[in-house]
């Protein structure tokens, strides 16, 4: 076994100064520091605290989204875009940032600014697995460039109406209502009609056993009626008979 070299004398004899107490103290400090910061690492990205748990808000997606939306409502456009581009931002916060941007700034974006903003939105859409973020960005892209993104985003939003999370499903339906509200374009009605027609044909075995549509099916039928009003009643012939009975 080796020992540290002599470090000082006392009474004419060389004495060895032990380094082991100092080493133990160092390890204790490192361990204490790790324990003190570990809860910060474990903390939820959306800063959910004990008060949220006690109130039940932690389990309420709608309340969390509305809370963060209200919190960010006065943020500038640049701050919101920086938040959306931040990979470390939690899903609820990112969704709220996209929503506020969509409602306050998306319609005011200048043509020469759109490319970079759309690039930011698409990057976030491709890197996020949160359906909340996905739905908000899909709608925002249509607001930014309706002609380019209607065909790709609307069918995806219609698919999101079947999401198991009722908040996601409702968000998708309400966004589709906003998108189609004032539209009279046959091209857009055709995209909605063809998407729904495909869904109905794939589920016609289930539809034949339904006499009273549930909420999600009623919502799809509402969108279908909108498309038929624009395209004409001749489109009814292209639908499964099971859908005609429900209409």
Protein backbone atom coordinates (compact mmCIF):
# COMPACT_ATOMS: atom_id res chain seq x y z
CA UNK A 1 0.00 0.00 0.00
CA UNK A 2 1.32 3.45 -0.88
CA UNK A 3 1.00 6.53 1.28
CA UNK A 4 1.15 10.22 0.55
CA UNK A 5 4.60 11.78 0.88
CA UNK A 6 5.64 13.50 4.13
CA UNK A 7 4.34 17.04 4.26
CA UNK A 8 5.60 18.63 7.49
CA UNK A 9 7.64 17.99 10.63
CA UNK A 10 6.65 18.06 14.23
CA UNK A 11 9.09 17.49 17.12
CA UNK A 12 11.79 16.56 14.64
CA UNK A 13 9.76 13.77 13.12
CA UNK A 14 8.21 13.70 9.71
CA UNK A 15 4.43 13.57 9.86
CA UNK A 16 2.05 12.44 7.13
CA UNK A 17 -1.04 14.63 6.64
CA UNK A 18 -4.01 12.45 5.90
CA UNK A 19 -6.00 13.38 2.81
CA UNK A 20 -8.82 10.92 3.46
CA UNK A 21 -11.05 13.22 5.57
CA UNK A 22 -10.84 15.85 2.83
CA UNK A 23 -11.68 13.27 0.18
CA UNK A 24 -14.70 12.10 2.14
CA UNK A 25 -15.84 15.69 2.60
CA UNK A 26 -15.57 16.30 -1.15
CA UNK A 27 -17.68 13.25 -1.95
CA UNK A 28 -20.27 14.36 0.58
CA UNK A 29 -20.51 17.80 -1.03
CA UNK A 30 -20.92 16.29 -4.50
CA UNK A 31 -23.63 13.91 -3.29
CA UNK A 32 -25.47 16.72 -1.49
CA UNK A 33 -25.38 18.89 -4.60
CA UNK A 34 -26.79 16.06 -6.74
CA UNK A 35 -29.61 15.46 -4.26
CA UNK A 36 -30.48 19.16 -4.16
CA UNK A 37 -30.75 19.58 -7.95
CA UNK A 38 -32.29 16.22 -8.86
CA UNK A 39 -35.86 17.44 -8.25
CA UNK A 40 -35.25 20.19 -10.81
CA UNK A 41 -34.36 17.61 -13.44
CA UNK A 42 -37.38 15.53 -12.54
CA UNK A 43 -39.74 18.48 -12.67
CA UNK A 44 -42.29 18.41 -15.47
CA UNK A 45 -41.49 20.57 -18.46
CA UNK A 46 -44.74 22.44 -17.98
CA UNK A 47 -43.96 23.41 -14.38
CA UNK A 48 -46.78 21.44 -12.81
CA UNK A 49 -46.61 21.98 -9.05
CA UNK A 50 -48.31 20.64 -5.95
CA UNK A 51 -51.06 23.24 -6.18
CA UNK A 52 -51.95 21.93 -9.64
CA UNK A 53 -52.14 18.39 -8.31
CA UNK A 54 -54.32 19.38 -5.37
CA UNK A 55 -56.73 21.31 -7.57
CA UNK A 56 -56.99 18.52 -10.14
CA UNK A 57 -55.77 20.82 -12.93
CA UNK A 58 -52.89 18.45 -13.66
CA UNK A 59 -55.36 16.02 -15.21
CA UNK A 60 -57.30 18.66 -17.14
CA UNK A 61 -55.70 19.22 -20.54
CA UNK A 62 -58.22 21.91 -21.46
CA UNK A 63 -57.59 23.89 -18.27
CA UNK A 64 -53.82 23.71 -18.70
CA UNK A 65 -53.97 24.82 -22.33
CA UNK A 66 -56.32 27.70 -21.54
CA UNK A 67 -54.17 28.73 -18.58
CA UNK A 68 -50.98 28.93 -20.61
CA UNK A 69 -52.81 30.63 -23.48
CA UNK A 70 -53.98 33.34 -21.09
CA UNK A 71 -50.46 33.62 -19.67
CA UNK A 72 -48.88 34.21 -23.09
CA UNK A 73 -51.58 36.42 -24.57
CA UNK A 74 -49.51 39.60 -24.19
CA UNK A 75 -46.25 38.16 -25.51
CA UNK A 76 -44.75 39.66 -28.65
CA UNK A 77 -44.67 37.82 -31.95
CA UNK A 78 -40.90 37.29 -31.76
CA UNK A 79 -41.10 35.84 -28.25
CA UNK A 80 -43.83 33.42 -29.30
CA UNK A 81 -41.84 32.27 -32.35
CA UNK A 82 -38.76 31.77 -30.16
CA UNK A 83 -40.85 29.65 -27.79
CA UNK A 84 -42.21 27.56 -30.66
CA UNK A 85 -38.67 26.95 -31.92
CA UNK A 86 -37.44 25.89 -28.46
CA UNK A 87 -37.04 22.10 -28.35
CA UNK A 88 -37.09 22.08 -24.55
CA UNK A 89 -40.49 23.75 -24.24
CA UNK A 90 -43.25 21.50 -22.91
CA UNK A 91 -46.20 20.47 -25.07
CA UNK A 92 -48.83 22.56 -23.28
CA UNK A 93 -46.67 25.68 -23.40
CA UNK A 94 -45.80 25.14 -27.06
CA UNK A 95 -49.45 24.59 -27.96
CA UNK A 96 -50.44 27.78 -26.15
CA UNK A 97 -47.67 29.76 -27.87
CA UNK A 98 -48.81 28.53 -31.30
CA UNK A 99 -52.43 29.32 -30.47
CA UNK A 100 -51.68 32.88 -29.38
CA UNK A 101 -49.52 33.43 -32.46
CA UNK A 102 -52.28 32.06 -34.69
CA UNK A 103 -54.99 34.23 -33.16
CA UNK A 104 -53.00 37.47 -32.85
CA UNK A 105 -50.36 37.51 -35.56
CA UNK A 106 -50.82 34.85 -38.26
CA UNK A 107 -53.13 36.99 -40.39
CA UNK A 108 -50.75 39.94 -40.22
CA UNK A 109 -47.57 38.20 -41.43
CA UNK A 110 -46.01 39.90 -44.44
CA UNK A 111 -45.29 37.88 -47.56
CA UNK A 112 -41.52 38.16 -47.21
CA UNK A 113 -41.73 36.88 -43.61
CA UNK A 114 -43.91 33.85 -44.23
CA UNK A 115 -41.21 31.47 -45.46
CA UNK A 116 -39.17 31.56 -42.26
CA UNK A 117 -42.22 31.39 -40.01
CA UNK A 118 -43.66 28.45 -41.95
CA UNK A 119 -40.27 26.74 -41.74
CA UNK A 120 -40.35 27.13 -37.95
CA UNK A 121 -43.87 25.73 -37.77
CA UNK A 122 -43.11 22.73 -39.98
CA UNK A 123 -39.94 21.94 -38.03
CA UNK A 124 -41.89 21.93 -34.79
CA UNK A 125 -44.66 19.83 -36.38
CA UNK A 126 -42.12 17.25 -37.56
CA UNK A 127 -40.33 17.10 -34.21
CA UNK A 128 -43.35 17.01 -31.89
CA UNK A 129 -45.27 13.91 -30.92
CA UNK A 130 -47.89 15.92 -29.03
CA UNK A 131 -51.32 15.88 -30.72
CA UNK A 132 -52.08 19.25 -29.11
CA UNK A 133 -49.09 20.86 -30.81
CA UNK A 134 -49.82 19.08 -34.08
CA UNK A 135 -53.43 20.24 -34.28
CA UNK A 136 -52.59 23.87 -33.51
CA UNK A 137 -49.76 23.98 -36.05
CA UNK A 138 -51.88 22.33 -38.77
CA UNK A 139 -54.47 25.08 -38.40
CA UNK A 140 -51.82 27.79 -38.21
CA UNK A 141 -50.22 26.64 -41.46
CA UNK A 142 -53.59 26.94 -43.20
CA UNK A 143 -54.00 30.46 -41.83
CA UNK A 144 -50.51 31.38 -43.06
CA UNK A 145 -50.91 29.88 -46.54
CA UNK A 146 -54.37 28.50 -47.17
CA UNK A 147 -53.89 27.43 -50.77
CA UNK A 148 -50.66 25.55 -50.17
CA UNK A 149 -51.58 23.77 -46.93
CA UNK A 150 -55.35 23.19 -47.08
CA UNK A 151 -55.02 19.96 -49.05
CA UNK A 152 -52.42 18.47 -46.72
CA UNK A 153 -53.60 19.71 -43.33
CA UNK A 154 -57.40 19.41 -43.51
CA UNK A 155 -57.45 15.61 -44.04
CA UNK A 156 -55.00 15.30 -41.13
CA UNK A 157 -57.28 17.42 -38.93
CA UNK A 158 -60.26 15.26 -39.90
CA UNK A 159 -58.27 12.22 -38.78
CA UNK A 160 -57.52 13.94 -35.48
CA UNK A 161 -61.26 14.16 -34.83
CA UNK A 162 -61.08 10.44 -33.98
CA UNK A 163 -58.34 10.90 -31.40
CA UNK A 164 -59.00 9.14 -28.10
CA UNK A 165 -58.33 12.36 -26.14
CA UNK A 166 -61.57 14.39 -26.23
CA UNK A 167 -59.65 17.68 -25.97
CA UNK A 168 -57.64 16.86 -29.09
CA UNK A 169 -60.78 15.72 -30.91
CA UNK A 170 -62.65 18.90 -30.00
CA UNK A 171 -59.70 21.11 -30.96
CA UNK A 172 -59.55 19.48 -34.40
CA UNK A 173 -63.30 19.86 -34.99
CA UNK A 174 -63.38 23.49 -33.86
CA UNK A 175 -60.40 24.30 -36.08
CA UNK A 176 -62.15 22.69 -39.04
CA UNK A 177 -65.28 24.73 -38.35
CA UNK A 178 -63.17 27.90 -38.33
CA UNK A 179 -61.42 26.87 -41.55
CA UNK A 180 -64.62 26.05 -43.46
CA UNK A 181 -66.86 28.71 -41.94
CA UNK A 182 -66.72 31.27 -44.75
CA UNK A 183 -65.38 29.08 -47.52
CA UNK A 184 -67.33 28.66 -50.75
CA UNK A 185 -64.52 27.15 -52.81
CA UNK A 186 -65.37 23.88 -54.59
CA UNK A 187 -61.71 22.82 -54.39
CA UNK A 188 -61.79 22.95 -50.60
CA UNK A 189 -65.21 21.30 -50.38
CA UNK A 190 -63.94 18.51 -52.64
CA UNK A 191 -60.99 17.83 -50.32
CA UNK A 192 -63.29 17.59 -47.30
CA UNK A 193 -65.86 15.46 -49.13
CA UNK A 194 -63.32 13.00 -50.53
CA UNK A 195 -61.62 12.59 -47.16
CA UNK A 196 -64.89 11.89 -45.35
CA UNK A 197 -66.14 9.63 -48.13
CA UNK A 198 -63.04 7.47 -47.79
CA UNK A 199 -63.46 7.29 -44.01
CA UNK A 200 -67.13 6.33 -44.34
CA UNK A 201 -66.43 3.58 -46.85
CA UNK A 202 -63.77 2.10 -44.59
CA UNK A 203 -66.16 2.07 -41.64
CA UNK A 204 -69.42 1.14 -43.38
CA UNK A 205 -69.69 -2.16 -41.51
CA UNK A 206 -69.82 -0.26 -38.25
CA UNK A 207 -72.12 2.41 -39.66
CA UNK A 208 -74.80 -0.08 -40.63
CA UNK A 209 -75.36 -0.87 -36.95
CA UNK A 210 -75.75 2.78 -35.92
CA UNK A 211 -79.16 4.38 -35.67
CA UNK A 212 -78.24 7.41 -33.55
CA UNK A 213 -74.84 8.96 -34.36
CA UNK A 214 -72.49 9.76 -31.48
CA UNK A 215 -70.88 13.18 -31.15
CA UNK A 216 -67.83 12.46 -33.35
CA UNK A 217 -69.99 11.00 -36.11
CA UNK A 218 -72.39 13.96 -35.93
CA UNK A 219 -69.44 16.30 -36.33
CA UNK A 220 -68.27 14.46 -39.44
CA UNK A 221 -71.78 14.56 -40.87
CA UNK A 222 -71.89 18.32 -40.26
CA UNK A 223 -68.70 18.76 -42.30
CA UNK A 224 -70.08 16.45 -44.96
CA UNK A 225 -73.25 18.55 -45.26
CA UNK A 226 -71.11 21.68 -45.65
CA UNK A 227 -69.20 20.12 -48.54
CA UNK A 228 -72.39 18.89 -50.24
CA UNK A 229 -73.98 22.35 -50.04
CA UNK A 230 -71.07 23.67 -52.12
CA UNK A 231 -70.58 20.71 -54.46
CA UNK A 232 -74.25 19.87 -55.04
CA UNK A 233 -76.61 17.07 -54.03
CA UNK A 234 -75.41 14.86 -56.89
CA UNK A 235 -72.51 13.94 -54.59
CA UNK A 236 -74.91 11.95 -52.43
CA UNK A 237 -74.79 9.18 -55.02
CA UNK A 238 -71.10 8.67 -54.27
CA UNK A 239 -71.64 7.98 -50.58
CA UNK A 240 -72.27 4.63 -48.89
CA UNK A 241 -75.96 3.92 -48.33
CA UNK A 242 -75.29 3.68 -44.58
CA UNK A 243 -74.30 7.37 -44.56
CA UNK A 244 -77.37 8.41 -46.53
CA UNK A 245 -79.57 6.86 -43.88
CA UNK A 246 -77.78 8.82 -41.15
CA UNK A 247 -78.08 12.07 -43.07
